[in-house]
Protein backbone atom coordinates (compact mmCIF):
# COMPACT_ATOMS: atom_id res chain seq x y z
CA MET A 1 69.87 -53.78 -82.99
CA GLU A 2 70.23 -57.36 -81.77
CA THR A 3 72.03 -58.32 -78.61
CA ASN A 4 75.24 -60.28 -78.74
CA ASN A 5 73.30 -63.45 -77.87
CA THR A 6 71.35 -63.45 -81.14
CA PHE A 7 72.27 -64.24 -84.72
CA VAL A 8 72.28 -61.67 -87.47
CA ILE A 9 71.78 -64.42 -90.09
CA GLU A 10 70.14 -67.82 -89.68
CA THR A 11 69.31 -70.30 -92.41
CA HIS A 12 67.54 -73.63 -92.10
CA GLY A 13 67.69 -76.13 -94.96
CA LEU A 14 68.14 -73.26 -97.42
CA SER A 15 68.19 -74.66 -100.96
CA LYS A 16 68.05 -73.38 -104.53
CA THR A 17 67.57 -75.40 -107.71
CA TYR A 18 67.74 -74.05 -111.25
CA LYS A 19 65.93 -76.55 -113.50
CA SER A 20 67.95 -79.74 -112.90
CA ILE A 21 70.93 -78.04 -111.21
CA GLN A 22 70.96 -77.83 -107.41
CA ALA A 23 73.02 -74.69 -106.77
CA LEU A 24 72.57 -74.79 -102.99
CA LYS A 25 71.80 -77.85 -100.88
CA SER A 26 70.09 -77.58 -97.48
CA LEU A 27 72.34 -74.88 -95.98
CA ASP A 28 72.26 -74.27 -92.21
CA LEU A 29 74.11 -71.14 -91.06
CA GLN A 30 74.32 -68.99 -87.95
CA VAL A 31 76.19 -65.69 -88.12
CA HIS A 32 76.95 -63.89 -84.87
CA GLN A 33 76.73 -60.14 -84.50
CA ASN A 34 79.98 -58.18 -84.99
CA SER A 35 81.80 -61.20 -86.39
CA ILE A 36 83.83 -61.34 -89.58
CA PHE A 37 82.30 -64.34 -91.27
CA GLY A 38 84.30 -65.88 -94.11
CA PHE A 39 82.14 -67.66 -96.68
CA LEU A 40 84.63 -69.82 -98.54
CA GLY A 41 84.51 -72.10 -101.54
CA PRO A 42 85.78 -72.67 -105.08
CA ASN A 43 84.11 -70.93 -108.00
CA GLY A 44 80.62 -72.32 -108.50
CA ALA A 45 80.29 -73.52 -104.92
CA GLY A 46 77.06 -71.59 -104.27
CA LYS A 47 78.41 -68.49 -102.50
CA THR A 48 76.77 -65.85 -104.71
CA THR A 49 73.52 -67.83 -104.80
CA THR A 50 73.44 -67.73 -100.99
CA ILE A 51 74.00 -63.98 -100.95
CA LYS A 52 71.17 -63.43 -103.43
CA LEU A 53 68.88 -65.55 -101.26
CA LEU A 54 69.80 -63.57 -98.13
CA LEU A 55 69.10 -60.29 -99.93
CA GLY A 56 65.75 -61.54 -101.22
CA LEU A 57 66.84 -61.15 -104.83
CA ILE A 58 65.85 -64.75 -105.58
CA ARG A 59 63.47 -67.14 -103.83
CA PRO A 60 64.59 -70.40 -102.24
CA THR A 61 63.39 -73.70 -103.62
CA ALA A 62 63.24 -75.05 -100.06
CA GLY A 63 64.16 -73.98 -96.56
CA SER A 64 64.28 -70.49 -95.09
CA ALA A 65 66.58 -67.64 -94.17
CA THR A 66 66.18 -64.87 -91.62
CA VAL A 67 68.24 -61.70 -91.36
CA PHE A 68 67.81 -59.60 -88.19
CA GLY A 69 65.04 -62.10 -87.34
CA MET A 70 63.09 -61.13 -90.48
CA ASP A 71 62.16 -63.50 -93.29
CA SER A 72 64.34 -63.00 -96.37
CA VAL A 73 61.38 -63.45 -98.74
CA GLU A 74 58.52 -61.69 -96.98
CA GLN A 75 60.54 -58.83 -95.46
CA SER A 76 63.36 -58.38 -97.96
CA VAL A 77 62.78 -54.63 -98.36
CA ASP A 78 63.11 -54.04 -94.61
CA ILE A 79 66.20 -56.26 -94.52
CA ARG A 80 67.94 -54.44 -97.36
CA ALA A 81 67.38 -51.10 -95.61
CA ARG A 82 69.76 -52.30 -92.89
CA ILE A 83 72.39 -53.89 -95.14
CA GLY A 84 75.39 -52.55 -97.01
CA TYR A 85 76.39 -54.55 -100.08
CA LEU A 86 79.49 -54.60 -102.27
CA PRO A 87 79.27 -56.73 -105.44
CA GLN A 88 82.27 -58.55 -106.81
CA GLU A 89 82.77 -55.94 -109.54
CA PRO A 90 81.43 -52.56 -108.37
CA HIS A 91 80.73 -49.96 -111.05
CA PHE A 92 81.11 -46.22 -110.59
CA TYR A 93 80.64 -43.04 -112.59
CA GLU A 94 84.23 -42.58 -113.75
CA TYR A 95 84.03 -38.78 -114.01
CA MET A 96 83.04 -38.38 -110.36
CA THR A 97 85.45 -38.15 -107.44
CA ALA A 98 85.44 -40.39 -104.37
CA ARG A 99 83.87 -37.60 -102.33
CA GLN A 100 81.16 -36.99 -104.91
CA THR A 101 80.41 -40.71 -105.11
CA LEU A 102 79.93 -41.02 -101.35
CA ARG A 103 77.91 -37.81 -101.19
CA PHE A 104 75.65 -39.07 -103.99
CA THR A 105 75.07 -42.35 -102.17
CA ALA A 106 74.60 -40.77 -98.74
CA LYS A 107 71.77 -38.55 -100.00
CA PHE A 108 69.67 -41.64 -100.66
CA PHE A 109 69.78 -42.48 -96.94
CA PHE A 110 70.02 -39.20 -95.05
CA LYS A 111 67.66 -36.25 -95.07
CA GLY A 112 68.75 -33.16 -93.24
CA PRO A 113 71.44 -30.51 -93.20
CA GLY A 114 74.17 -30.82 -95.80
CA LYS A 115 76.78 -30.46 -93.08
CA ALA A 116 75.74 -33.76 -91.50
CA ILE A 117 76.08 -35.53 -94.86
CA GLU A 118 79.52 -34.01 -95.43
CA GLU A 119 80.60 -35.17 -91.97
CA ARG A 120 79.49 -38.71 -92.80
CA VAL A 121 81.34 -38.60 -96.13
CA ASP A 122 84.52 -37.42 -94.41
CA GLU A 123 84.14 -40.14 -91.79
CA MET A 124 83.96 -42.82 -94.49
CA LEU A 125 86.92 -41.40 -96.42
CA HIS A 126 89.06 -41.58 -93.29
CA LEU A 127 87.78 -45.07 -92.44
CA VAL A 128 89.08 -46.46 -95.73
CA ASP A 129 92.19 -44.25 -95.72
CA MET A 130 91.24 -42.25 -98.81
CA ALA A 131 91.01 -38.73 -97.44
CA ASP A 132 94.05 -37.69 -99.46
CA LYS A 133 92.49 -39.02 -102.68
CA ALA A 134 88.97 -37.79 -102.04
CA ASP A 135 88.89 -35.26 -104.87
CA ARG A 136 90.55 -37.26 -107.63
CA PRO A 137 88.44 -38.60 -110.52
CA LEU A 138 87.69 -42.29 -110.04
CA LYS A 139 89.30 -43.18 -113.36
CA THR A 140 92.68 -42.30 -111.80
CA LEU A 141 92.30 -44.65 -108.81
CA SER A 142 93.92 -48.09 -108.52
CA GLY A 143 91.92 -51.29 -108.19
CA GLY A 144 92.53 -51.45 -104.46
CA GLU A 145 91.49 -47.83 -103.97
CA ARG A 146 88.29 -48.39 -105.93
CA GLN A 147 87.50 -51.47 -103.85
CA ARG A 148 88.04 -49.53 -100.62
CA LEU A 149 85.75 -46.82 -101.97
CA GLY A 150 83.18 -49.54 -102.67
CA ILE A 151 83.35 -50.64 -99.03
CA ALA A 152 82.95 -47.02 -97.89
CA GLN A 153 79.94 -46.67 -100.18
CA ALA A 154 78.38 -49.85 -98.76
CA GLN A 155 79.04 -48.65 -95.20
CA VAL A 156 77.81 -45.08 -95.65
CA ASN A 157 74.28 -45.83 -94.35
CA TYR A 158 75.50 -47.29 -91.01
CA PRO A 159 74.39 -50.83 -91.93
CA ASP A 160 73.91 -53.51 -89.29
CA LEU A 161 75.26 -56.07 -91.77
CA LEU A 162 77.86 -55.61 -94.48
CA ILE A 163 77.86 -58.21 -97.27
CA LEU A 164 80.93 -58.29 -99.49
CA ASP A 165 81.08 -60.57 -102.55
CA GLU A 166 84.73 -61.46 -103.33
CA PRO A 167 86.02 -58.07 -102.08
CA ALA A 168 89.70 -58.73 -102.89
CA ALA A 169 89.52 -61.26 -105.71
CA SER A 170 91.09 -59.13 -108.46
CA LEU A 171 93.56 -57.12 -106.38
CA ASP A 172 97.33 -57.27 -106.09
CA PRO A 173 98.88 -58.13 -102.68
CA ILE A 174 99.01 -54.49 -101.55
CA GLY A 175 95.42 -53.85 -102.57
CA ARG A 176 94.29 -57.00 -100.79
CA ARG A 177 96.16 -56.03 -97.62
CA ASP A 178 94.50 -52.61 -97.61
CA VAL A 179 91.02 -54.07 -98.09
CA LEU A 180 91.56 -56.59 -95.28
CA GLU A 181 92.68 -53.81 -92.94
CA VAL A 182 89.46 -51.92 -93.65
CA MET A 183 87.41 -55.06 -92.99
CA SER A 184 89.16 -55.53 -89.63
CA LYS A 185 88.28 -51.95 -88.64
CA LEU A 186 84.62 -52.52 -89.45
CA ARG A 187 84.08 -55.26 -86.84
CA LYS A 188 83.28 -52.72 -84.12
CA TYR A 189 80.63 -51.04 -86.31
CA THR A 190 78.87 -53.93 -88.05
CA THR A 191 78.79 -57.63 -88.88
CA VAL A 192 80.87 -58.49 -91.96
CA PHE A 193 79.76 -61.42 -94.12
CA TYR A 194 82.02 -61.91 -97.10
CA SER A 195 82.52 -64.55 -99.75
CA THR A 196 85.92 -65.41 -101.14
CA HIS A 197 88.09 -68.17 -102.56
CA ILE A 198 91.35 -66.60 -101.27
CA LEU A 199 92.39 -68.77 -98.34
CA ASP A 200 95.06 -66.46 -96.92
CA ASP A 201 92.54 -63.63 -96.59
CA VAL A 202 90.13 -65.78 -94.61
CA GLN A 203 92.84 -66.92 -92.22
CA ARG A 204 94.02 -63.34 -91.62
CA VAL A 205 90.75 -61.61 -90.74
CA SER A 206 87.92 -64.09 -90.12
CA ASP A 207 86.77 -65.39 -86.77
CA THR A 208 84.23 -67.83 -88.23
CA VAL A 209 84.47 -69.80 -91.48
CA VAL A 210 82.11 -71.84 -93.64
CA ILE A 211 83.33 -73.88 -96.60
CA LEU A 212 80.96 -74.74 -99.43
CA ASN A 213 81.60 -77.20 -102.23
CA ARG A 214 79.21 -77.93 -105.09
CA GLY A 215 76.40 -76.25 -103.22
CA ALA A 216 76.87 -78.21 -100.00
CA LEU A 217 78.28 -77.15 -96.65
CA VAL A 218 81.36 -79.28 -95.96
CA ALA A 219 82.95 -77.48 -92.99
CA GLN A 220 82.10 -74.72 -90.56
CA GLY A 221 83.25 -73.37 -87.22
CA PRO A 222 85.45 -70.81 -85.49
CA ILE A 223 88.71 -70.36 -87.40
CA GLU A 224 90.72 -71.63 -84.41
CA GLU A 225 88.79 -74.91 -84.39
CA LEU A 226 89.20 -75.50 -88.10
CA LEU A 227 92.91 -74.75 -87.92
CA ALA A 228 93.33 -77.19 -85.04
CA GLY A 229 92.92 -79.95 -87.62
CA SER A 230 91.15 -83.27 -87.23
CA GLU A 231 94.03 -84.63 -85.13
CA GLY A 232 93.46 -82.10 -82.36
CA VAL A 233 96.45 -80.56 -80.59
CA VAL A 234 99.75 -82.10 -81.70
CA TYR A 235 103.33 -81.25 -80.70
CA LEU A 236 106.20 -81.81 -83.16
CA ILE A 237 109.43 -82.82 -81.41
CA HIS A 238 112.93 -83.67 -82.72
CA LEU A 239 115.27 -85.54 -80.35
CA LYS A 240 118.80 -86.85 -80.01
CA GLY A 241 119.81 -89.47 -77.45
CA ASP A 242 117.92 -92.31 -75.77
CA ALA A 243 114.52 -91.57 -77.28
CA GLN A 244 113.10 -94.99 -76.34
CA ALA A 245 113.43 -94.38 -72.61
CA ALA A 246 111.92 -90.92 -72.98
CA LEU A 247 109.10 -92.34 -75.11
CA GLN A 248 107.86 -94.61 -72.33
CA GLN A 249 107.97 -91.78 -69.85
CA VAL A 250 105.93 -89.46 -72.06
CA LYS A 251 103.43 -92.19 -72.99
CA SER A 252 102.66 -92.72 -69.32
CA LYS A 253 101.13 -89.26 -68.95
CA PRO A 254 97.32 -89.31 -68.89
CA TRP A 255 97.04 -86.31 -71.21
CA VAL A 256 99.05 -88.00 -74.01
CA SER A 257 96.65 -89.77 -76.38
CA GLY A 258 99.21 -91.02 -78.91
CA ILE A 259 102.72 -90.66 -80.32
CA LYS A 260 103.79 -91.16 -83.93
CA THR A 261 107.52 -91.79 -84.23
CA GLY A 262 109.91 -91.45 -87.14
CA GLU A 263 113.38 -90.34 -88.20
CA HIS A 264 114.67 -87.31 -90.03
CA ALA A 265 118.31 -86.31 -90.71
CA GLY A 266 119.62 -88.68 -88.06
CA GLU A 267 117.20 -87.47 -85.40
CA THR A 268 114.17 -89.10 -83.82
CA THR A 269 110.91 -87.33 -84.59
CA TRP A 270 107.69 -87.46 -82.59
CA GLN A 271 104.19 -86.21 -83.20
CA VAL A 272 102.63 -86.15 -79.75
CA SER A 273 98.81 -85.89 -79.64
CA VAL A 274 97.45 -84.49 -76.37
CA THR A 275 94.03 -84.20 -74.78
CA ASP A 276 94.95 -81.43 -72.34
CA PRO A 277 96.83 -78.64 -74.19
CA GLN A 278 97.46 -76.67 -71.00
CA ALA A 279 99.08 -79.62 -69.24
CA ALA A 280 101.18 -80.35 -72.31
CA GLU A 281 102.32 -76.75 -72.53
CA GLU A 282 103.35 -76.73 -68.88
CA GLN A 283 104.93 -80.19 -68.59
CA LEU A 284 105.94 -81.77 -71.90
CA LEU A 285 109.12 -79.85 -72.68
CA LYS A 286 110.24 -79.90 -69.06
CA LEU A 287 109.75 -83.65 -68.98
CA LEU A 288 112.06 -84.09 -71.97
CA VAL A 289 114.70 -81.58 -70.89
CA ASP A 290 115.05 -83.38 -67.56
CA GLY A 291 115.37 -86.75 -69.32
CA PRO A 292 118.04 -88.64 -71.30
CA VAL A 293 117.57 -86.74 -74.60
CA VAL A 294 118.54 -83.48 -76.28
CA VAL A 295 115.57 -81.60 -77.75
CA THR A 296 116.51 -79.94 -81.05
CA GLU A 297 113.01 -78.86 -82.05
CA PHE A 298 109.82 -78.41 -80.08
CA ARG A 299 106.67 -76.72 -81.38
CA ARG A 300 102.94 -77.03 -81.53
CA LYS A 301 101.75 -78.15 -84.95
CA GLN A 302 100.05 -75.37 -86.86
CA TYR A 303 97.62 -75.94 -89.70
CA GLU A 304 97.05 -73.64 -92.64
CA LEU A 305 93.51 -73.10 -93.86
CA GLU A 306 94.67 -74.48 -97.19
CA ASP A 307 95.29 -77.84 -95.48
CA VAL A 308 91.74 -77.90 -94.13
CA PHE A 309 90.28 -76.65 -97.40
CA MET A 310 91.99 -79.25 -99.58
CA GLN A 311 91.12 -81.99 -97.09
CA VAL A 312 87.38 -81.31 -97.22
CA ILE A 313 87.18 -80.37 -100.90
CA GLU A 314 89.34 -83.13 -102.39
CA GLY A 315 88.60 -85.70 -99.72
CA GLY A 316 84.88 -85.15 -100.03
CA GLN A 317 84.42 -85.55 -96.30
CA ASP A 318 82.05 -83.66 -94.06
CA ALA A 319 83.96 -81.71 -91.41
CA ARG A 320 81.02 -79.91 -89.85
CA LYS A 321 81.52 -78.63 -86.35
């Protein structure tokens, strides 16, 4: 097992072309151990192609990929032995129960006493909160329950890397919530690399995000950095009173890089960009409260991942970190 200073996945210029169609264009990735890595993009962006390349199921046209430091082409069998994989639409034997399904899968990986296998099956059933449904036929399970079973099946061999392809794409809100909770639990056991086009899911559970569009990487970085927006840290402030006098006072501070002013519902509005968030947090509100204005609203501007996503997809700009 790698140390926390190494990468579970690294790609360098990874590319794939089908005839005249370039499905993936010179992709550079680094995935840290025990992270939840959100691989985001619209349909057709190249997400599934990347997963197939990492698993050694197809060969790259150019570039390279390593998983656990091993080459994805030359050592794909060794790599797959350490990976758990859940496809977008998992298929099961409908007449079997959840327990039977996990037992069947576990026997491919573990040789030894049956008791040890049963303990592992029970552990997985509890991990995905399906112990009370363990002995029901799969045909009676909901979509969310089947997806959680799929994650348990992919995790049954203690993988060092869990790859999930659109794990919550077809689920209702409750099913999605349950799947995301399971993914959050798995961080302490493995690295989770999952593709999706559901922005809310990425924002809720991921610590690192990559956005693909038309086969090209258009944004990547820790989720906090992407959500900070291109403007950096900005405070939204609504004021009543002598805003002009207060404006000059705030502008004089060395950690204020700019102020956009406006009006809304009879109040003065500011968007204050700062270079030192800690100084702004400690001093900005106090500076205004002690001045000639009444502050009716004061908050740090928060960005939704949808804002970032639409900016880089529709704007066509490169927001690489």
